[in-house]
Amino acid sequence: MARTDNFRKQHAEILQIARDINQQLGPVISEADATTIRRQLSKMHGLVGLHLAMEDQSLYPSMLKSTDQEARSLAQNYMKEMGDLASAFERYMNSWKNGGAISANAAEFTEQSKGIFNALSKRIHRENTLLYPVADALL
């Protein structure tokens, strides 16, 4: 088992939730659908939080201690970048605290959701293809 297998599994779960929510997005979202979406967002928020904590407590510290300059540099860069994305994700989550807000502002919610999910997807792809192979090679 590779060191980053659990991280990759979490990525897959986060992306699946984003895909499920994307299927429900549009200019009109019913109150019932909005409530379901909010539950899905809560689950995603928990997964993202767990994922970030695991990276911060395990992955990045070990990469920063490495004798491999590429590993140290990647860890530093990814930690800084993720802070910006994590802040944007928290602002997004705070903007959509309940199904009522989502259904009442469906078009805005749809636009913001697509933006944040796109940013998460790009970050996940970069981690899976650039960061994790380096981390796995350290062992």
C-alpha atoms as a PDB file:
ATOM      1  CA  MET A   1       0.000   0.000   0.000  1.00  0.00           C
ATOM      2  CA  ALA A   2       1.389   3.395  -1.005  1.00  0.00           C
ATOM      3  CA  ARG A   3       1.721   6.058   1.645  1.00  0.00           C
ATOM      4  CA  THR A   4      -0.790   8.302  -0.129  1.00  0.00           C
ATOM      5  CA  ASP A   5      -3.491   5.701  -0.799  1.00  0.00           C
ATOM      6  CA  ASN A   6      -5.780   7.081   1.924  1.00  0.00           C
ATOM      7  CA  PHE A   7      -5.325  10.611   0.598  1.00  0.00           C
ATOM      8  CA  ARG A   8      -6.236   9.441  -2.894  1.00  0.00           C
ATOM      9  CA  LYS A   9      -9.306   7.642  -1.542  1.00  0.00           C
ATOM     10  CA  GLN A  10     -10.425  10.834   0.183  1.00  0.00           C
ATOM     11  CA  HIS A  11      -9.925  12.709  -3.077  1.00  0.00           C
ATOM     12  CA  ALA A  12     -12.173  10.246  -4.887  1.00  0.00           C
ATOM     13  CA  GLU A  13     -14.875  10.664  -2.236  1.00  0.00           C
ATOM     14  CA  ILE A  14     -14.671  14.482  -2.371  1.00  0.00           C
ATOM     15  CA  LEU A  15     -14.899  14.466  -6.172  1.00  0.00           C
ATOM     16  CA  GLN A  16     -17.858  12.071  -6.116  1.00  0.00           C
ATOM     17  CA  ILE A  17     -19.776  14.389  -3.793  1.00  0.00           C
ATOM     18  CA  ALA A  18     -18.968  17.321  -6.080  1.00  0.00           C
ATOM     19  CA  ARG A  19     -20.244  15.346  -9.089  1.00  0.00           C
ATOM     20  CA  ASP A  20     -23.428  14.421  -7.217  1.00  0.00           C
ATOM     21  CA  ILE A  21     -24.060  18.058  -6.298  1.00  0.00           C
ATOM     22  CA  ASN A  22     -23.231  19.252  -9.830  1.00  0.00           C
ATOM     23  CA  GLN A  23     -26.043  17.085 -11.175  1.00  0.00           C
ATOM     24  CA  GLN A  24     -28.508  19.023  -9.035  1.00  0.00           C
ATOM     25  CA  LEU A  25     -27.298  22.525  -9.875  1.00  0.00           C
ATOM     26  CA  GLY A  26     -29.289  24.976 -11.966  1.00  0.00           C
ATOM     27  CA  PRO A  27     -31.108  28.294 -11.954  1.00  0.00           C
ATOM     28  CA  VAL A  28     -33.862  26.757  -9.796  1.00  0.00           C
ATOM     29  CA  ILE A  29     -33.270  24.328  -6.938  1.00  0.00           C
ATOM     30  CA  SER A  30     -36.211  23.058  -4.910  1.00  0.00           C
ATOM     31  CA  GLU A  31     -36.155  23.310  -1.128  1.00  0.00           C
ATOM     32  CA  ALA A  32     -35.999  19.506  -0.878  1.00  0.00           C
ATOM     33  CA  ASP A  33     -33.069  19.287  -3.298  1.00  0.00           C
ATOM     34  CA  ALA A  34     -31.361  22.180  -1.530  1.00  0.00           C
ATOM     35  CA  THR A  35     -31.643  20.343   1.797  1.00  0.00           C
ATOM     36  CA  THR A  36     -30.091  17.247   0.218  1.00  0.00           C
ATOM     37  CA  ILE A  37     -27.327  19.362  -1.316  1.00  0.00           C
ATOM     38  CA  ARG A  38     -26.598  20.972   2.054  1.00  0.00           C
ATOM     39  CA  ARG A  39     -26.220  17.534   3.656  1.00  0.00           C
ATOM     40  CA  GLN A  40     -23.825  16.562   0.864  1.00  0.00           C
ATOM     41  CA  LEU A  41     -21.862  19.781   1.405  1.00  0.00           C
ATOM     42  CA  SER A  42     -21.601  19.010   5.113  1.00  0.00           C
ATOM     43  CA  LYS A  43     -20.199  15.588   4.308  1.00  0.00           C
ATOM     44  CA  MET A  44     -17.737  17.133   1.830  1.00  0.00           C
ATOM     45  CA  HIS A  45     -16.720  19.749   4.393  1.00  0.00           C
ATOM     46  CA  GLY A  46     -15.952  17.019   6.917  1.00  0.00           C
ATOM     47  CA  LEU A  47     -13.913  15.053   4.392  1.00  0.00           C
ATOM     48  CA  VAL A  48     -11.951  18.108   3.287  1.00  0.00           C
ATOM     49  CA  GLY A  49     -11.248  19.026   6.909  1.00  0.00           C
ATOM     50  CA  LEU A  50     -10.044  15.519   7.739  1.00  0.00           C
ATOM     51  CA  HIS A  51      -7.949  15.410   4.590  1.00  0.00           C
ATOM     52  CA  LEU A  52      -6.268  18.731   5.322  1.00  0.00           C
ATOM     53  CA  ALA A  53      -5.565  17.759   8.917  1.00  0.00           C
ATOM     54  CA  MET A  54      -3.977  14.494   7.813  1.00  0.00           C
ATOM     55  CA  GLU A  55      -1.800  16.297   5.284  1.00  0.00           C
ATOM     56  CA  ASP A  56      -0.799  18.963   7.801  1.00  0.00           C
ATOM     57  CA  GLN A  57       0.019  16.475  10.563  1.00  0.00           C
ATOM     58  CA  SER A  58       1.640  13.713   8.552  1.00  0.00           C
ATOM     59  CA  LEU A  59       2.395  14.274   4.886  1.00  0.00           C
ATOM     60  CA  TYR A  60       3.823  17.786   4.841  1.00  0.00           C
ATOM     61  CA  PRO A  61       6.010  17.467   7.968  1.00  0.00           C
ATOM     62  CA  SER A  62       7.671  14.318   6.645  1.00  0.00           C
ATOM     63  CA  MET A  63       8.251  15.925   3.251  1.00  0.00           C
ATOM     64  CA  LEU A  64       9.673  19.062   4.869  1.00  0.00           C
ATOM     65  CA  LYS A  65      12.159  16.924   6.838  1.00  0.00           C
ATOM     66  CA  SER A  66      13.282  15.089   3.721  1.00  0.00           C
ATOM     67  CA  THR A  67      16.771  15.428   2.316  1.00  0.00           C
ATOM     68  CA  ASP A  68      15.124  15.630  -1.125  1.00  0.00           C
ATOM     69  CA  GLN A  69      14.963  19.310  -2.152  1.00  0.00           C
ATOM     70  CA  GLU A  70      12.083  18.688  -4.581  1.00  0.00           C
ATOM     71  CA  ALA A  71      10.019  17.111  -1.808  1.00  0.00           C
ATOM     72  CA  ARG A  72      10.675  20.012   0.573  1.00  0.00           C
ATOM     73  CA  SER A  73       9.891  22.601  -2.082  1.00  0.00           C
ATOM     74  CA  LEU A  74       6.682  20.877  -3.171  1.00  0.00           C
ATOM     75  CA  ALA A  75       5.481  20.584   0.414  1.00  0.00           C
ATOM     76  CA  GLN A  76       6.128  24.277   1.089  1.00  0.00           C
ATOM     77  CA  ASN A  77       4.357  25.373  -2.085  1.00  0.00           C
ATOM     78  CA  TYR A  78       1.369  23.087  -1.636  1.00  0.00           C
ATOM     79  CA  MET A  79       0.904  24.117   2.000  1.00  0.00           C
ATOM     80  CA  LYS A  80       0.782  27.797   1.041  1.00  0.00           C
ATOM     81  CA  GLU A  81      -1.535  27.252  -1.928  1.00  0.00           C
ATOM     82  CA  MET A  82      -3.897  25.058   0.058  1.00  0.00           C
ATOM     83  CA  GLY A  83      -4.264  27.738   2.690  1.00  0.00           C
ATOM     84  CA  ASP A  84      -5.722  30.048   0.058  1.00  0.00           C
ATOM     85  CA  LEU A  85      -8.081  27.393  -1.306  1.00  0.00           C
ATOM     86  CA  ALA A  86      -9.101  26.268   2.191  1.00  0.00           C
ATOM     87  CA  SER A  87     -10.040  29.864   3.044  1.00  0.00           C
ATOM     88  CA  ALA A  88     -12.114  30.166  -0.136  1.00  0.00           C
ATOM     89  CA  PHE A  89     -13.828  26.849   0.636  1.00  0.00           C
ATOM     90  CA  GLU A  90     -14.662  28.017   4.181  1.00  0.00           C
ATOM     91  CA  ARG A  91     -16.136  31.277   2.840  1.00  0.00           C
ATOM     92  CA  TYR A  92     -18.219  29.238   0.386  1.00  0.00           C
ATOM     93  CA  MET A  93     -19.454  26.928   3.151  1.00  0.00           C
ATOM     94  CA  ASN A  94     -20.340  29.882   5.386  1.00  0.00           C
ATOM     95  CA  SER A  95     -22.304  31.485   2.547  1.00  0.00           C
ATOM     96  CA  TRP A  96     -24.534  28.425   2.159  1.00  0.00           C
ATOM     97  CA  LYS A  97     -25.420  27.373   5.688  1.00  0.00           C
ATOM     98  CA  ASN A  98     -28.836  25.887   4.932  1.00  0.00           C
ATOM     99  CA  GLY A  99     -31.096  24.629   2.188  1.00  0.00           C
ATOM    100  CA  GLY A 100     -33.219  27.776   2.314  1.00  0.00           C
ATOM    101  CA  ALA A 101     -30.293  29.968   1.318  1.00  0.00           C
ATOM    102  CA  ILE A 102     -29.411  27.566  -1.496  1.00  0.00           C
ATOM    103  CA  SER A 103     -32.932  27.376  -2.969  1.00  0.00           C
ATOM    104  CA  ALA A 104     -33.548  31.121  -2.569  1.00  0.00           C
ATOM    105  CA  ASN A 105     -30.344  31.964  -4.446  1.00  0.00           C
ATOM    106  CA  ALA A 106     -29.967  28.955  -6.719  1.00  0.00           C
ATOM    107  CA  ALA A 107     -28.275  30.737  -9.619  1.00  0.00           C
ATOM    108  CA  GLU A 108     -25.630  32.315  -7.382  1.00  0.00           C
ATOM    109  CA  PHE A 109     -25.146  29.043  -5.499  1.00  0.00           C
ATOM    110  CA  THR A 110     -24.730  27.203  -8.800  1.00  0.00           C
ATOM    111  CA  GLU A 111     -22.113  29.668 -10.034  1.00  0.00           C
ATOM    112  CA  GLN A 112     -20.138  29.605  -6.774  1.00  0.00           C
ATOM    113  CA  SER A 113     -20.368  25.820  -6.515  1.00  0.00           C
ATOM    114  CA  LYS A 114     -19.022  25.304 -10.004  1.00  0.00           C
ATOM    115  CA  GLY A 115     -16.135  27.656  -9.237  1.00  0.00           C
ATOM    116  CA  ILE A 116     -15.140  26.068  -5.945  1.00  0.00           C
ATOM    117  CA  PHE A 117     -15.576  22.513  -7.273  1.00  0.00           C
ATOM    118  CA  ASN A 118     -13.414  23.371 -10.282  1.00  0.00           C
ATOM    119  CA  ALA A 119     -10.689  24.758  -8.000  1.00  0.00           C
ATOM    120  CA  LEU A 120     -10.869  21.646  -5.776  1.00  0.00           C
ATOM    121  CA  SER A 121     -10.762  19.350  -8.795  1.00  0.00           C
ATOM    122  CA  LYS A 122      -7.672  21.070 -10.190  1.00  0.00           C
ATOM    123  CA  ARG A 123      -5.934  20.938  -6.821  1.00  0.00           C
ATOM    124  CA  ILE A 124      -6.787  17.248  -6.384  1.00  0.00           C
ATOM    125  CA  HIS A 125      -5.459  16.458  -9.852  1.00  0.00           C
ATOM    126  CA  ARG A 126      -2.190  18.257  -9.088  1.00  0.00           C
ATOM    127  CA  GLU A 127      -1.794  16.461  -5.770  1.00  0.00           C
ATOM    128  CA  ASN A 128      -2.505  13.073  -7.325  1.00  0.00           C
ATOM    129  CA  THR A 129      -0.138  13.571 -10.258  1.00  0.00           C
ATOM    130  CA  LEU A 130       2.648  15.781  -8.859  1.00  0.00           C
ATOM    131  CA  LEU A 131       2.741  15.776  -5.050  1.00  0.00           C
ATOM    132  CA  TYR A 132       1.816  12.219  -4.112  1.00  0.00           C
ATOM    133  CA  PRO A 133       4.259  10.463  -6.448  1.00  0.00           C
ATOM    134  CA  VAL A 134       7.083  12.409  -4.808  1.00  0.00           C
ATOM    135  CA  ALA A 135       5.753  11.636  -1.314  1.00  0.00           C
ATOM    136  CA  ASP A 136       5.423   7.932  -2.172  1.00  0.00           C
ATOM    137  CA  ALA A 137       8.994   7.821  -3.497  1.00  0.00           C
ATOM    138  CA  LEU A 138      10.355   9.031  -0.147  1.00  0.00           C
ATOM    139  CA  LEU A 139       9.591   5.724   1.535  1.00  0.00           C
END
